[in-house]
Amino acid sequence: MKKIIASLFLVSAVALPCLVQARTVTLNTQLQNYGGEGAYLAFYVTDASGKYQKTLWVAGKKSKYYKHLSDWARGSRLNSREFDGVSGASVGSGRSLTVKLELADALIDAGYEIRVDSAVEDGRDNPADARAPLTAKGAGKPVAGRGYVKSFSYDM
């Protein structure tokens, strides 16, 4: 019996990594020139119906401002487990932000979308400022933002 259990454990250890494949994805964001403080940005994945699935990155260190990233805040419920370890500094006017991360292959070409919410202190909040379908063909193709984001693209 011990040999069977050990064999099953070994087979599982070898097979499981094959089931959970991921690839490095680079998020590229260029901000508009605007007056004001640095922008807070939330990058997240939604399913085909627009329902929040996962936080990818949050730009802006002060979590008290995260509520202004409204679609992301509602979906993530501002649960710190959703954004711990995936945050950095806010992004200034006209600046760009490049972030590399691991993304599960199962999300690609499966109806998911990457969204970017943006907000600036004393400025307006822009839920889903930029939206890009998460597809292999969409990689490298910039989409225009409708607020502080001038353009957003991702590379695989």
Protein backbone atom coordinates (compact mmCIF):
# COMPACT_ATOMS: atom_id res chain seq x y z
CA MET A 1 0.00 0.00 0.00
CA LYS A 2 2.85 2.40 0.84
CA LYS A 3 4.38 1.79 -2.60
CA ILE A 4 1.07 2.66 -4.32
CA ILE A 5 0.72 5.88 -2.33
CA ALA A 6 4.34 6.82 -3.03
CA SER A 7 3.83 6.10 -6.74
CA LEU A 8 0.67 8.25 -6.85
CA PHE A 9 2.49 11.07 -5.08
CA LEU A 10 5.37 10.91 -7.56
CA VAL A 11 3.03 10.86 -10.58
CA SER A 12 1.09 13.83 -9.16
CA ALA A 13 4.26 15.81 -8.52
CA VAL A 14 5.37 15.31 -12.11
CA ALA A 15 1.98 15.83 -13.78
CA LEU A 16 0.63 18.80 -11.80
CA PRO A 17 3.09 21.42 -13.11
CA CYS A 18 2.02 20.48 -16.64
CA LEU A 19 -1.60 21.33 -15.81
CA VAL A 20 -0.85 24.81 -14.45
CA GLN A 21 1.11 26.51 -17.23
CA ALA A 22 1.91 30.20 -17.07
CA ARG A 23 3.73 32.67 -19.22
CA THR A 24 5.44 35.96 -18.64
CA VAL A 25 3.28 38.88 -19.72
CA THR A 26 4.49 42.48 -19.91
CA LEU A 27 1.93 45.24 -19.31
CA ASN A 28 2.79 48.53 -21.04
CA THR A 29 0.94 51.70 -20.10
CA GLN A 30 1.52 55.25 -21.32
CA LEU A 31 -0.27 58.05 -19.47
CA GLN A 32 -1.68 61.24 -20.93
CA ASN A 33 -0.11 64.58 -20.06
CA TYR A 34 -2.36 66.04 -17.37
CA GLY A 35 -1.98 68.44 -14.47
CA GLY A 36 -1.86 66.99 -11.01
CA GLU A 37 -0.42 64.30 -8.81
CA GLY A 38 0.66 60.82 -9.86
CA ALA A 39 -2.01 58.44 -11.08
CA TYR A 40 -3.14 55.38 -9.20
CA LEU A 41 -3.75 52.45 -11.54
CA ALA A 42 -5.26 49.01 -10.98
CA PHE A 43 -4.68 46.27 -13.57
CA TYR A 44 -7.03 43.31 -13.26
CA VAL A 45 -8.65 40.46 -15.19
CA THR A 46 -12.39 40.10 -15.79
CA ASP A 47 -14.32 37.20 -17.28
CA ALA A 48 -16.51 37.36 -20.40
CA SER A 49 -19.39 38.87 -18.41
CA GLY A 50 -17.15 41.60 -16.94
CA LYS A 51 -16.91 40.02 -13.48
CA TYR A 52 -13.68 40.64 -11.59
CA GLN A 53 -11.36 37.61 -11.44
CA LYS A 54 -7.84 38.61 -10.37
CA THR A 55 -5.62 41.60 -9.56
CA LEU A 56 -2.49 41.79 -11.67
CA TRP A 57 -0.86 45.02 -10.42
CA VAL A 58 -1.69 48.17 -8.48
CA ALA A 59 0.33 51.37 -9.00
CA GLY A 60 0.14 53.62 -5.96
CA LYS A 61 1.35 52.85 -2.44
CA LYS A 62 -1.32 54.48 -0.26
CA SER A 63 -4.16 51.99 0.07
CA LYS A 64 -6.51 54.69 1.39
CA TYR A 65 -6.82 55.90 -2.24
CA TYR A 66 -7.62 52.47 -3.69
CA LYS A 67 -11.37 53.04 -3.24
CA HIS A 68 -11.16 55.55 -6.12
CA LEU A 69 -10.26 52.70 -8.48
CA SER A 70 -13.94 51.86 -8.25
CA ASP A 71 -14.53 48.86 -10.55
CA TRP A 72 -11.41 47.14 -9.28
CA ALA A 73 -12.21 48.10 -5.66
CA ARG A 74 -15.72 46.65 -5.96
CA GLY A 75 -14.45 43.41 -7.56
CA SER A 76 -11.49 42.87 -5.23
CA ARG A 77 -13.50 44.07 -2.22
CA LEU A 78 -10.26 45.85 -1.30
CA ASN A 79 -9.12 42.58 0.26
CA SER A 80 -5.40 43.07 0.89
CA ARG A 81 -4.73 39.44 -0.09
CA GLU A 82 -5.72 40.50 -3.61
CA PHE A 83 -2.99 43.12 -3.91
CA ASP A 84 -0.28 42.31 -1.36
CA GLY A 85 2.98 41.93 -3.24
CA VAL A 86 1.63 43.35 -6.49
CA SER A 87 1.97 47.08 -6.01
CA GLY A 88 4.36 49.89 -6.81
CA ALA A 89 4.60 53.67 -6.94
CA SER A 90 2.01 55.89 -8.61
CA VAL A 91 2.73 57.02 -12.17
CA GLY A 92 3.27 60.68 -13.10
CA SER A 93 1.75 62.70 -15.90
CA GLY A 94 3.03 61.68 -19.34
CA ARG A 95 5.05 58.82 -17.88
CA SER A 96 4.98 55.16 -18.78
CA LEU A 97 4.75 52.04 -16.65
CA THR A 98 6.00 48.60 -17.62
CA VAL A 99 5.22 45.61 -15.41
CA LYS A 100 6.22 41.97 -15.96
CA LEU A 101 4.16 39.23 -14.35
CA GLU A 102 3.18 35.59 -14.68
CA LEU A 103 -0.27 34.87 -16.11
CA ALA A 104 -1.94 31.46 -16.38
CA ASP A 105 -2.20 30.18 -19.95
CA ALA A 106 -5.80 29.15 -19.24
CA LEU A 107 -6.80 32.86 -19.25
CA ILE A 108 -5.55 33.48 -22.78
CA ASP A 109 -8.04 33.14 -25.65
CA ALA A 110 -10.73 32.12 -23.14
CA GLY A 111 -12.92 35.26 -23.09
CA TYR A 112 -11.02 37.17 -20.41
CA GLU A 113 -10.08 40.83 -20.53
CA ILE A 114 -7.44 43.01 -18.88
CA ARG A 115 -8.83 46.26 -17.50
CA VAL A 116 -7.10 49.31 -16.09
CA ASP A 117 -8.84 51.66 -13.65
CA SER A 118 -7.21 55.05 -13.05
CA ALA A 119 -7.59 57.88 -10.55
CA VAL A 120 -5.70 61.05 -9.66
CA GLU A 121 -5.97 63.06 -6.44
CA ASP A 122 -8.25 66.06 -7.04
CA GLY A 123 -9.07 64.61 -10.46
CA ARG A 124 -11.68 62.27 -11.78
CA ASP A 125 -11.81 58.52 -11.38
CA ASN A 126 -11.87 56.37 -14.53
CA PRO A 127 -13.23 52.86 -14.09
CA ALA A 128 -12.16 50.63 -16.99
CA ASP A 129 -10.05 53.48 -18.40
CA ALA A 130 -8.49 50.94 -20.77
CA ARG A 131 -9.79 47.48 -21.75
CA ALA A 132 -8.04 44.83 -23.83
CA PRO A 133 -9.23 41.31 -24.67
CA LEU A 134 -6.71 38.78 -23.37
CA THR A 135 -5.87 36.97 -26.62
CA ALA A 136 -2.71 35.79 -28.32
CA LYS A 137 -3.60 37.94 -31.35
CA GLY A 138 -4.15 41.00 -29.13
CA ALA A 139 -0.61 40.89 -27.75
CA GLY A 140 1.40 43.94 -28.78
CA LYS A 141 -1.64 45.84 -30.06
CA PRO A 142 -2.19 49.06 -28.11
CA VAL A 143 -5.68 50.15 -27.08
CA ALA A 144 -6.55 53.77 -26.30
CA GLY A 145 -7.59 54.76 -22.82
CA ARG A 146 -10.48 57.12 -22.18
CA GLY A 147 -9.07 58.95 -19.14
CA TYR A 148 -5.53 59.26 -17.79
CA VAL A 149 -4.33 56.26 -19.80
CA LYS A 150 -3.17 57.29 -23.26
CA SER A 151 -2.48 53.72 -24.38
CA PHE A 152 -2.24 50.24 -22.94
CA SER A 153 -0.85 47.03 -24.43
CA TYR A 154 0.51 43.70 -23.29
CA ASP A 155 3.20 41.44 -24.71
CA MET A 156 3.67 37.69 -24.26
